[in-house]
Amino acid sequence: MRRTATNLSLLAALLAGACALAPPAAATGRASTAALQVALRAMGTYLGDVDGIRGPRTASALRTLQRRAGLPADGVFGPRTRAALGRRGLHPFGSRAMRAGDVGWDVAGLQFQLAAHGFPSGPVDGALGPRSVAALQRLQAWAGLPADGIAGAATLRALRTPPPRSPVALRTPVAVPLGDRYGPRGSAFHAGVDFPAATGTPVGAAGFGTVVFSGYDASGFGNMVVIGHRFGLRTLYAHLASIHVRAGQAVGVGERIGTVGATGRSSGPHLHFELRLRGANIDPLTAL
């Protein structure tokens, strides 16, 4: 019994150490700050990322707006500054149920939170169009809610929970330094991580599983492989120059599945790698 207790204590310590050393998820800013950034972009004073982080560029853009509106350029977001944003400043977050066609501050915050929870919907622009409604419905289904495309109280509660993380550890699929990370990019959201590498660099499976897709993806990913793993987890490998596996094939950790390329919509040779948990994008650095 004492040996069992000692083993359990050792296991707990190892797990705690592993959690402490695990890389953190992509930093997630505040929905209210993201909504402000969207409004400032619409007014032409802010050109940075919609990342929800109120840094120097956001503060400078806010003061520029205030000067243009004839207000004291104090960088304080008060009622008069909100009024200067027009319809982009209307509707505080949670003040109404949002539905298709709505425009406003709350919609921008909703779009930002959807992306942060793994359901990006294109540009975060404060307008609830078809792509945003589809992302909202996917989030609702993922959270076990009626997928009605209306963001009411239950949906907002689901968005207040922490973004999902990977339930398993995975191996880095290509032995090169990391490039672009997961998170906001301009007014959109980069739903994976990029590994810049020379064309032909081997790409290995990040974990054992079964190939569920192997072929050309016309939406922009080009040659692509998708592998299904435990717990509803899937890994996606895009822009490949060549594919070495077929759908239905079982693969082991590190087994070559293709090579780095620039097929599809790509600015140059690199591996775009995504992690999806039951359909929700999650930060691959929570697993690698």
C-alpha atoms as a PDB file:
ATOM      1  CA  MET A   1       0.000   0.000   0.000  1.00  0.00           C
ATOM      2  CA  ARG A   2       2.846   2.403   0.887  1.00  0.00           C
ATOM      3  CA  ARG A   3       4.529   1.644  -2.437  1.00  0.00           C
ATOM      4  CA  THR A   4       1.274   2.326  -4.292  1.00  0.00           C
ATOM      5  CA  ALA A   5       0.844   5.631  -2.470  1.00  0.00           C
ATOM      6  CA  THR A   6       4.445   6.570  -3.270  1.00  0.00           C
ATOM      7  CA  ASN A   7       3.936   5.748  -6.936  1.00  0.00           C
ATOM      8  CA  LEU A   8       0.768   7.839  -7.058  1.00  0.00           C
ATOM      9  CA  SER A   9       2.579  10.759  -5.424  1.00  0.00           C
ATOM     10  CA  LEU A  10       5.413  10.463  -7.934  1.00  0.00           C
ATOM     11  CA  LEU A  11       2.937  10.355 -10.822  1.00  0.00           C
ATOM     12  CA  ALA A  12       1.157  13.443  -9.510  1.00  0.00           C
ATOM     13  CA  ALA A  13       4.475  15.278  -9.226  1.00  0.00           C
ATOM     14  CA  LEU A  14       5.465  14.329 -12.759  1.00  0.00           C
ATOM     15  CA  LEU A  15       2.122  15.480 -14.122  1.00  0.00           C
ATOM     16  CA  ALA A  16       2.395  18.759 -12.241  1.00  0.00           C
ATOM     17  CA  GLY A  17       5.870  19.292 -13.666  1.00  0.00           C
ATOM     18  CA  ALA A  18       4.659  18.515 -17.177  1.00  0.00           C
ATOM     19  CA  CYS A  19       1.827  21.027 -16.820  1.00  0.00           C
ATOM     20  CA  ALA A  20       4.222  23.675 -15.508  1.00  0.00           C
ATOM     21  CA  LEU A  21       6.565  23.195 -18.454  1.00  0.00           C
ATOM     22  CA  ALA A  22       3.847  23.036 -21.105  1.00  0.00           C
ATOM     23  CA  PRO A  23       3.805  26.093 -23.415  1.00  0.00           C
ATOM     24  CA  PRO A  24       0.880  28.418 -22.733  1.00  0.00           C
ATOM     25  CA  ALA A  25      -2.006  28.923 -25.116  1.00  0.00           C
ATOM     26  CA  ALA A  26      -1.969  31.960 -27.376  1.00  0.00           C
ATOM     27  CA  ALA A  27      -2.577  35.093 -25.363  1.00  0.00           C
ATOM     28  CA  THR A  28      -6.223  36.048 -25.504  1.00  0.00           C
ATOM     29  CA  GLY A  29      -7.137  39.696 -25.099  1.00  0.00           C
ATOM     30  CA  ARG A  30     -10.385  41.305 -23.990  1.00  0.00           C
ATOM     31  CA  ALA A  31     -13.462  41.274 -26.217  1.00  0.00           C
ATOM     32  CA  SER A  32     -14.187  44.908 -25.319  1.00  0.00           C
ATOM     33  CA  THR A  33     -10.725  46.006 -26.468  1.00  0.00           C
ATOM     34  CA  ALA A  34     -11.119  43.983 -29.664  1.00  0.00           C
ATOM     35  CA  ALA A  35     -14.441  45.744 -30.305  1.00  0.00           C
ATOM     36  CA  LEU A  36     -12.709  49.103 -29.815  1.00  0.00           C
ATOM     37  CA  GLN A  37      -9.971  48.094 -32.266  1.00  0.00           C
ATOM     38  CA  VAL A  38     -12.583  47.062 -34.845  1.00  0.00           C
ATOM     39  CA  ALA A  39     -14.354  50.405 -34.495  1.00  0.00           C
ATOM     40  CA  LEU A  40     -11.066  52.313 -34.768  1.00  0.00           C
ATOM     41  CA  ARG A  41     -10.127  50.321 -37.883  1.00  0.00           C
ATOM     42  CA  ALA A  42     -13.478  51.278 -39.415  1.00  0.00           C
ATOM     43  CA  MET A  43     -12.698  54.943 -38.646  1.00  0.00           C
ATOM     44  CA  GLY A  44      -9.268  54.615 -40.269  1.00  0.00           C
ATOM     45  CA  THR A  45      -7.164  55.372 -37.186  1.00  0.00           C
ATOM     46  CA  TYR A  46      -5.975  51.855 -36.301  1.00  0.00           C
ATOM     47  CA  LEU A  47      -4.144  49.427 -38.588  1.00  0.00           C
ATOM     48  CA  GLY A  48      -2.857  46.872 -36.070  1.00  0.00           C
ATOM     49  CA  ASP A  49      -4.077  43.399 -35.209  1.00  0.00           C
ATOM     50  CA  VAL A  50      -7.495  42.922 -33.644  1.00  0.00           C
ATOM     51  CA  ASP A  51      -5.940  41.122 -30.684  1.00  0.00           C
ATOM     52  CA  GLY A  52      -7.923  42.498 -27.760  1.00  0.00           C
ATOM     53  CA  ILE A  53      -4.769  43.908 -26.150  1.00  0.00           C
ATOM     54  CA  ARG A  54      -4.759  47.646 -25.450  1.00  0.00           C
ATOM     55  CA  GLY A  55      -1.193  48.560 -26.322  1.00  0.00           C
ATOM     56  CA  PRO A  56       0.416  51.811 -27.502  1.00  0.00           C
ATOM     57  CA  ARG A  57      -0.980  51.562 -31.065  1.00  0.00           C
ATOM     58  CA  THR A  58      -4.552  51.199 -29.810  1.00  0.00           C
ATOM     59  CA  ALA A  59      -4.115  54.102 -27.371  1.00  0.00           C
ATOM     60  CA  SER A  60      -2.608  56.304 -30.096  1.00  0.00           C
ATOM     61  CA  ALA A  61      -5.455  55.459 -32.506  1.00  0.00           C
ATOM     62  CA  LEU A  62      -8.014  56.337 -29.821  1.00  0.00           C
ATOM     63  CA  ARG A  63      -6.427  59.735 -29.195  1.00  0.00           C
ATOM     64  CA  THR A  64      -6.332  60.403 -32.954  1.00  0.00           C
ATOM     65  CA  LEU A  65     -10.059  59.676 -33.152  1.00  0.00           C
ATOM     66  CA  GLN A  66     -10.738  62.004 -30.240  1.00  0.00           C
ATOM     67  CA  ARG A  67      -8.794  64.851 -31.863  1.00  0.00           C
ATOM     68  CA  ARG A  68     -10.680  64.367 -35.138  1.00  0.00           C
ATOM     69  CA  ALA A  69     -13.983  64.465 -33.244  1.00  0.00           C
ATOM     70  CA  GLY A  70     -13.026  67.658 -31.403  1.00  0.00           C
ATOM     71  CA  LEU A  71     -12.785  65.864 -28.045  1.00  0.00           C
ATOM     72  CA  PRO A  72     -10.034  66.020 -25.423  1.00  0.00           C
ATOM     73  CA  ALA A  73      -7.360  63.581 -26.604  1.00  0.00           C
ATOM     74  CA  ASP A  74      -7.001  61.933 -23.195  1.00  0.00           C
ATOM     75  CA  GLY A  75      -7.170  58.318 -24.368  1.00  0.00           C
ATOM     76  CA  VAL A  76     -10.111  57.674 -22.037  1.00  0.00           C
ATOM     77  CA  PHE A  77     -12.977  55.772 -23.627  1.00  0.00           C
ATOM     78  CA  GLY A  78     -16.035  57.581 -22.313  1.00  0.00           C
ATOM     79  CA  PRO A  79     -19.603  58.161 -23.571  1.00  0.00           C
ATOM     80  CA  ARG A  80     -18.642  61.016 -25.929  1.00  0.00           C
ATOM     81  CA  THR A  81     -15.864  58.947 -27.510  1.00  0.00           C
ATOM     82  CA  ARG A  82     -18.245  56.000 -27.906  1.00  0.00           C
ATOM     83  CA  ALA A  83     -20.741  58.312 -29.637  1.00  0.00           C
ATOM     84  CA  ALA A  84     -17.979  59.409 -32.036  1.00  0.00           C
ATOM     85  CA  LEU A  85     -17.729  55.792 -33.244  1.00  0.00           C
ATOM     86  CA  GLY A  86     -21.277  55.874 -34.639  1.00  0.00           C
ATOM     87  CA  ARG A  87     -23.039  52.525 -34.978  1.00  0.00           C
ATOM     88  CA  ARG A  88     -19.755  50.684 -34.320  1.00  0.00           C
ATOM     89  CA  GLY A  89     -19.901  51.965 -30.742  1.00  0.00           C
ATOM     90  CA  LEU A  90     -23.506  50.979 -30.105  1.00  0.00           C
ATOM     91  CA  HIS A  91     -24.820  48.016 -28.094  1.00  0.00           C
ATOM     92  CA  PRO A  92     -22.595  47.100 -25.142  1.00  0.00           C
ATOM     93  CA  PHE A  93     -21.706  43.427 -24.985  1.00  0.00           C
ATOM     94  CA  GLY A  94     -24.547  41.378 -23.500  1.00  0.00           C
ATOM     95  CA  SER A  95     -27.160  44.112 -23.915  1.00  0.00           C
ATOM     96  CA  ARG A  96     -29.134  42.152 -26.533  1.00  0.00           C
ATOM     97  CA  ALA A  97     -29.400  38.794 -28.243  1.00  0.00           C
ATOM     98  CA  MET A  98     -27.397  39.035 -31.459  1.00  0.00           C
ATOM     99  CA  ARG A  99     -28.681  37.586 -34.707  1.00  0.00           C
ATOM    100  CA  ALA A 100     -27.972  37.661 -38.450  1.00  0.00           C
ATOM    101  CA  GLY A 101     -27.684  41.193 -39.830  1.00  0.00           C
ATOM    102  CA  ASP A 102     -26.824  42.879 -36.522  1.00  0.00           C
ATOM    103  CA  VAL A 103     -23.983  45.406 -36.484  1.00  0.00           C
ATOM    104  CA  GLY A 104     -22.277  46.907 -33.485  1.00  0.00           C
ATOM    105  CA  TRP A 105     -19.816  46.818 -30.624  1.00  0.00           C
ATOM    106  CA  ASP A 106     -21.244  43.582 -29.223  1.00  0.00           C
ATOM    107  CA  VAL A 107     -21.023  41.791 -32.584  1.00  0.00           C
ATOM    108  CA  ALA A 108     -17.307  42.617 -32.860  1.00  0.00           C
ATOM    109  CA  GLY A 109     -16.771  41.235 -29.361  1.00  0.00           C
ATOM    110  CA  LEU A 110     -18.732  38.109 -30.260  1.00  0.00           C
ATOM    111  CA  GLN A 111     -16.672  37.497 -33.399  1.00  0.00           C
ATOM    112  CA  PHE A 112     -13.454  37.909 -31.416  1.00  0.00           C
ATOM    113  CA  GLN A 113     -14.583  35.467 -28.736  1.00  0.00           C
ATOM    114  CA  LEU A 114     -15.725  32.932 -31.331  1.00  0.00           C
ATOM    115  CA  ALA A 115     -12.263  32.995 -32.903  1.00  0.00           C
ATOM    116  CA  ALA A 116     -10.539  32.727 -29.525  1.00  0.00           C
ATOM    117  CA  HIS A 117     -12.656  29.635 -28.751  1.00  0.00           C
ATOM    118  CA  GLY A 118     -11.732  27.942 -32.027  1.00  0.00           C
ATOM    119  CA  PHE A 119     -14.478  29.114 -34.375  1.00  0.00           C
ATOM    120  CA  PRO A 120     -13.013  31.917 -36.530  1.00  0.00           C
ATOM    121  CA  SER A 121     -15.411  33.451 -39.031  1.00  0.00           C
ATOM    122  CA  GLY A 122     -13.249  35.569 -41.310  1.00  0.00           C
ATOM    123  CA  PRO A 123     -12.639  39.264 -40.580  1.00  0.00           C
ATOM    124  CA  VAL A 124     -13.664  40.563 -37.165  1.00  0.00           C
ATOM    125  CA  ASP A 125     -15.622  43.531 -38.485  1.00  0.00           C
ATOM    126  CA  GLY A 126     -18.627  44.001 -36.185  1.00  0.00           C
ATOM    127  CA  ALA A 127     -21.189  42.743 -38.729  1.00  0.00           C
ATOM    128  CA  LEU A 128     -22.962  39.413 -38.120  1.00  0.00           C
ATOM    129  CA  GLY A 129     -22.969  38.018 -41.656  1.00  0.00           C
ATOM    130  CA  PRO A 130     -23.385  34.444 -42.943  1.00  0.00           C
ATOM    131  CA  ARG A 131     -19.852  33.295 -42.041  1.00  0.00           C
ATOM    132  CA  SER A 132     -20.184  34.601 -38.504  1.00  0.00           C
ATOM    133  CA  VAL A 133     -23.597  32.998 -38.097  1.00  0.00           C
ATOM    134  CA  ALA A 134     -22.179  29.659 -39.306  1.00  0.00           C
ATOM    135  CA  ALA A 135     -19.299  29.935 -36.801  1.00  0.00           C
ATOM    136  CA  LEU A 136     -21.795  30.794 -34.066  1.00  0.00           C
ATOM    137  CA  GLN A 137     -23.848  27.705 -34.894  1.00  0.00           C
ATOM    138  CA  ARG A 138     -20.734  25.507 -34.778  1.00  0.00           C
ATOM    139  CA  LEU A 139     -19.864  26.883 -31.349  1.00  0.00           C
ATOM    140  CA  GLN A 140     -23.394  26.270 -30.118  1.00  0.00           C
ATOM    141  CA  ALA A 141     -23.389  22.680 -31.346  1.00  0.00           C
ATOM    142  CA  TRP A 142     -19.947  22.129 -29.804  1.00  0.00           C
ATOM    143  CA  ALA A 143     -21.211  23.459 -26.454  1.00  0.00           C
ATOM    144  CA  GLY A 144     -24.376  21.324 -26.567  1.00  0.00           C
ATOM    145  CA  LEU A 145     -26.703  24.276 -27.185  1.00  0.00           C
ATOM    146  CA  PRO A 146     -29.457  24.634 -29.808  1.00  0.00           C
ATOM    147  CA  ALA A 147     -27.622  25.739 -32.984  1.00  0.00           C
ATOM    148  CA  ASP A 148     -30.073  28.540 -33.789  1.00  0.00           C
ATOM    149  CA  GLY A 149     -27.478  31.147 -34.760  1.00  0.00           C
ATOM    150  CA  ILE A 150     -28.745  33.588 -32.113  1.00  0.00           C
ATOM    151  CA  ALA A 151     -26.225  34.675 -29.480  1.00  0.00           C
ATOM    152  CA  GLY A 152     -28.249  34.887 -26.303  1.00  0.00           C
ATOM    153  CA  ALA A 153     -27.402  34.439 -22.630  1.00  0.00           C
ATOM    154  CA  ALA A 154     -26.546  30.720 -22.852  1.00  0.00           C
ATOM    155  CA  THR A 155     -24.186  31.264 -25.777  1.00  0.00           C
ATOM    156  CA  LEU A 156     -22.429  34.139 -24.004  1.00  0.00           C
ATOM    157  CA  ARG A 157     -21.994  31.942 -20.927  1.00  0.00           C
ATOM    158  CA  ALA A 158     -20.344  29.290 -23.110  1.00  0.00           C
ATOM    159  CA  LEU A 159     -17.965  31.938 -24.455  1.00  0.00           C
ATOM    160  CA  ARG A 160     -16.945  32.936 -20.930  1.00  0.00           C
ATOM    161  CA  THR A 161     -15.355  29.513 -20.379  1.00  0.00           C
ATOM    162  CA  PRO A 162     -11.622  29.093 -21.127  1.00  0.00           C
ATOM    163  CA  PRO A 163     -10.730  28.123 -24.728  1.00  0.00           C
ATOM    164  CA  PRO A 164     -10.192  24.357 -25.175  1.00  0.00           C
ATOM    165  CA  ARG A 165      -6.711  22.858 -24.991  1.00  0.00           C
ATOM    166  CA  SER A 166      -5.252  19.655 -26.367  1.00  0.00           C
ATOM    167  CA  PRO A 167      -5.988  16.557 -24.246  1.00  0.00           C
ATOM    168  CA  VAL A 168      -2.792  14.821 -25.444  1.00  0.00           C
ATOM    169  CA  ALA A 169       0.849  15.599 -26.152  1.00  0.00           C
ATOM    170  CA  LEU A 170       1.986  15.511 -29.787  1.00  0.00           C
ATOM    171  CA  ARG A 171       5.271  15.504 -31.643  1.00  0.00           C
ATOM    172  CA  THR A 172       6.345  18.485 -33.759  1.00  0.00           C
ATOM    173  CA  PRO A 173       5.602  17.414 -37.362  1.00  0.00           C
ATOM    174  CA  VAL A 174       8.669  18.978 -38.993  1.00  0.00           C
ATOM    175  CA  ALA A 175      12.108  19.610 -37.512  1.00  0.00           C
ATOM    176  CA  VAL A 176      12.408  23.360 -38.155  1.00  0.00           C
ATOM    177  CA  PRO A 177      11.858  26.499 -36.036  1.00  0.00           C
ATOM    178  CA  LEU A 178       8.332  27.771 -35.592  1.00  0.00           C
ATOM    179  CA  GLY A 179       7.134  30.667 -37.771  1.00  0.00           C
ATOM    180  CA  ASP A 180       3.712  32.321 -37.534  1.00  0.00           C
ATOM    181  CA  ARG A 181       1.773  31.363 -34.431  1.00  0.00           C
ATOM    182  CA  TYR A 182      -1.863  30.740 -33.631  1.00  0.00           C
ATOM    183  CA  GLY A 183      -3.920  33.857 -32.983  1.00  0.00           C
ATOM    184  CA  PRO A 184      -5.018  37.228 -34.380  1.00  0.00           C
ATOM    185  CA  ARG A 185      -3.575  38.389 -37.683  1.00  0.00           C
ATOM    186  CA  GLY A 186      -4.828  41.747 -38.916  1.00  0.00           C
ATOM    187  CA  SER A 187      -8.607  41.664 -38.618  1.00  0.00           C
ATOM    188  CA  ALA A 188      -8.660  37.877 -39.111  1.00  0.00           C
ATOM    189  CA  PHE A 189      -7.416  34.881 -37.110  1.00  0.00           C
ATOM    190  CA  HIS A 190      -4.623  32.441 -37.919  1.00  0.00           C
ATOM    191  CA  ALA A 191      -6.091  29.101 -36.852  1.00  0.00           C
ATOM    192  CA  GLY A 192      -2.828  27.134 -36.841  1.00  0.00           C
ATOM    193  CA  VAL A 193       0.940  27.461 -36.687  1.00  0.00           C
ATOM    194  CA  ASP A 194       3.380  27.670 -39.600  1.00  0.00           C
ATOM    195  CA  PHE A 195       6.743  25.961 -40.018  1.00  0.00           C
ATOM    196  CA  PRO A 196       8.768  27.644 -42.809  1.00  0.00           C
ATOM    197  CA  ALA A 197      10.964  25.024 -44.488  1.00  0.00           C
ATOM    198  CA  ALA A 198      12.451  24.147 -47.848  1.00  0.00           C
ATOM    199  CA  THR A 199      10.267  22.338 -50.375  1.00  0.00           C
ATOM    200  CA  GLY A 200      10.675  18.610 -49.909  1.00  0.00           C
ATOM    201  CA  THR A 201      11.394  18.703 -46.162  1.00  0.00           C
ATOM    202  CA  PRO A 202       9.843  15.552 -44.602  1.00  0.00           C
ATOM    203  CA  VAL A 203       6.631  15.962 -42.611  1.00  0.00           C
ATOM    204  CA  GLY A 204       5.827  13.363 -39.946  1.00  0.00           C
ATOM    205  CA  ALA A 205       2.580  12.461 -38.176  1.00  0.00           C
ATOM    206  CA  ALA A 206       2.301  14.354 -34.891  1.00  0.00           C
ATOM    207  CA  GLY A 207       0.698  11.348 -33.202  1.00  0.00           C
ATOM    208  CA  PHE A 208      -0.572   7.867 -33.939  1.00  0.00           C
ATOM    209  CA  GLY A 209      -3.959   7.710 -35.608  1.00  0.00           C
ATOM    210  CA  THR A 210      -5.826   7.098 -38.862  1.00  0.00           C
ATOM    211  CA  VAL A 211      -5.728   9.222 -42.009  1.00  0.00           C
ATOM    212  CA  VAL A 212      -9.226  10.624 -42.604  1.00  0.00           C
ATOM    213  CA  PHE A 213      -8.365  12.837 -45.595  1.00  0.00           C
ATOM    214  CA  SER A 214      -5.565  12.731 -48.135  1.00  0.00           C
ATOM    215  CA  GLY A 215      -5.755  14.853 -51.272  1.00  0.00           C
ATOM    216  CA  TYR A 216      -6.182  18.352 -52.661  1.00  0.00           C
ATOM    217  CA  ASP A 217      -8.216  20.938 -50.757  1.00  0.00           C
ATOM    218  CA  ALA A 218      -9.623  23.610 -53.074  1.00  0.00           C
ATOM    219  CA  SER A 219     -10.421  26.082 -50.273  1.00  0.00           C
ATOM    220  CA  GLY A 220      -6.775  27.154 -50.122  1.00  0.00           C
ATOM    221  CA  PHE A 221      -4.898  24.457 -48.220  1.00  0.00           C
ATOM    222  CA  GLY A 222      -3.688  22.714 -51.385  1.00  0.00           C
ATOM    223  CA  ASN A 223      -2.305  19.212 -50.847  1.00  0.00           C
ATOM    224  CA  MET A 224      -3.501  18.282 -47.390  1.00  0.00           C
ATOM    225  CA  VAL A 225      -3.553  15.383 -44.938  1.00  0.00           C
ATOM    226  CA  VAL A 226      -5.888  15.124 -41.939  1.00  0.00           C
ATOM    227  CA  ILE A 227      -5.283  12.496 -39.252  1.00  0.00           C
ATOM    228  CA  GLY A 228      -7.841  11.421 -36.638  1.00  0.00           C
ATOM    229  CA  HIS A 229      -6.551  10.710 -33.117  1.00  0.00           C
ATOM    230  CA  ARG A 230      -8.056   9.860 -29.723  1.00  0.00           C
ATOM    231  CA  PHE A 231     -10.616  12.029 -27.919  1.00  0.00           C
ATOM    232  CA  GLY A 232     -12.021  13.550 -31.121  1.00  0.00           C
ATOM    233  CA  LEU A 233      -8.688  15.231 -31.919  1.00  0.00           C
ATOM    234  CA  ARG A 234      -7.576  15.811 -35.516  1.00  0.00           C
ATOM    235  CA  THR A 235      -4.330  17.176 -36.940  1.00  0.00           C
ATOM    236  CA  LEU A 236      -4.216  18.963 -40.298  1.00  0.00           C
ATOM    237  CA  TYR A 237      -1.128  19.319 -42.511  1.00  0.00           C
ATOM    238  CA  ALA A 238      -1.503  21.775 -45.414  1.00  0.00           C
ATOM    239  CA  HIS A 239       0.343  23.138 -48.498  1.00  0.00           C
ATOM    240  CA  LEU A 240       2.236  19.849 -48.947  1.00  0.00           C
ATOM    241  CA  ALA A 241       4.390  19.306 -52.040  1.00  0.00           C
ATOM    242  CA  SER A 242       3.740  15.550 -51.942  1.00  0.00           C
ATOM    243  CA  ILE A 243       1.504  13.162 -50.005  1.00  0.00           C
ATOM    244  CA  HIS A 244       2.728   9.739 -48.916  1.00  0.00           C
ATOM    245  CA  VAL A 245      -0.383   8.305 -47.199  1.00  0.00           C
ATOM    246  CA  ARG A 246      -3.939   7.455 -48.190  1.00  0.00           C
ATOM    247  CA  ALA A 247      -7.306   7.771 -46.439  1.00  0.00           C
ATOM    248  CA  GLY A 248      -7.969   4.909 -44.034  1.00  0.00           C
ATOM    249  CA  GLN A 249      -4.283   4.213 -43.416  1.00  0.00           C
ATOM    250  CA  ALA A 250      -3.039   3.837 -39.832  1.00  0.00           C
ATOM    251  CA  VAL A 251       0.071   5.899 -39.063  1.00  0.00           C
ATOM    252  CA  GLY A 252       2.542   5.957 -36.201  1.00  0.00           C
ATOM    253  CA  VAL A 253       4.166   8.881 -34.442  1.00  0.00           C
ATOM    254  CA  GLY A 254       6.723  10.507 -36.736  1.00  0.00           C
ATOM    255  CA  GLU A 255       5.797   8.390 -39.757  1.00  0.00           C
ATOM    256  CA  ARG A 256       6.332  10.355 -42.966  1.00  0.00           C
ATOM    257  CA  ILE A 257       3.024  11.531 -44.390  1.00  0.00           C
ATOM    258  CA  GLY A 258       4.306  14.005 -46.995  1.00  0.00           C
ATOM    259  CA  THR A 259       6.750  16.812 -47.699  1.00  0.00           C
ATOM    260  CA  VAL A 260       6.697  20.578 -47.237  1.00  0.00           C
ATOM    261  CA  GLY A 261       5.492  22.595 -50.215  1.00  0.00           C
ATOM    262  CA  ALA A 262       3.585  25.701 -51.281  1.00  0.00           C
ATOM    263  CA  THR A 263       0.433  24.288 -52.874  1.00  0.00           C
ATOM    264  CA  GLY A 264      -2.878  26.121 -52.543  1.00  0.00           C
ATOM    265  CA  ARG A 265      -2.876  29.723 -51.334  1.00  0.00           C
ATOM    266  CA  SER A 266       0.613  30.051 -49.919  1.00  0.00           C
ATOM    267  CA  SER A 267       3.174  32.844 -49.871  1.00  0.00           C
ATOM    268  CA  GLY A 268       6.050  30.354 -49.931  1.00  0.00           C
ATOM    269  CA  PRO A 269       7.036  26.843 -48.867  1.00  0.00           C
ATOM    270  CA  HIS A 270       5.923  26.036 -45.327  1.00  0.00           C
ATOM    271  CA  LEU A 271       3.814  23.579 -43.361  1.00  0.00           C
ATOM    272  CA  HIS A 272       0.556  24.975 -42.017  1.00  0.00           C
ATOM    273  CA  PHE A 273      -0.393  22.786 -39.044  1.00  0.00           C
ATOM    274  CA  GLU A 274      -3.753  22.867 -37.279  1.00  0.00           C
ATOM    275  CA  LEU A 275      -5.230  21.062 -34.299  1.00  0.00           C
ATOM    276  CA  ARG A 276      -8.983  20.558 -33.990  1.00  0.00           C
ATOM    277  CA  LEU A 277     -10.869  19.120 -31.020  1.00  0.00           C
ATOM    278  CA  ARG A 278     -14.326  17.914 -32.006  1.00  0.00           C
ATOM    279  CA  GLY A 279     -14.353  20.614 -34.686  1.00  0.00           C
ATOM    280  CA  ALA A 280     -12.953  23.491 -32.617  1.00  0.00           C
ATOM    281  CA  ASN A 281      -9.551  24.882 -33.573  1.00  0.00           C
ATOM    282  CA  ILE A 282      -7.149  24.882 -30.637  1.00  0.00           C
ATOM    283  CA  ASP A 283      -3.660  26.285 -30.217  1.00  0.00           C
ATOM    284  CA  PRO A 284      -1.228  23.558 -31.384  1.00  0.00           C
ATOM    285  CA  LEU A 285       1.313  24.799 -28.830  1.00  0.00           C
ATOM    286  CA  THR A 286      -0.896  23.339 -26.089  1.00  0.00           C
ATOM    287  CA  ALA A 287       0.094  19.930 -27.478  1.00  0.00           C
ATOM    288  CA  LEU A 288       3.522  20.217 -29.099  1.00  0.00           C
END
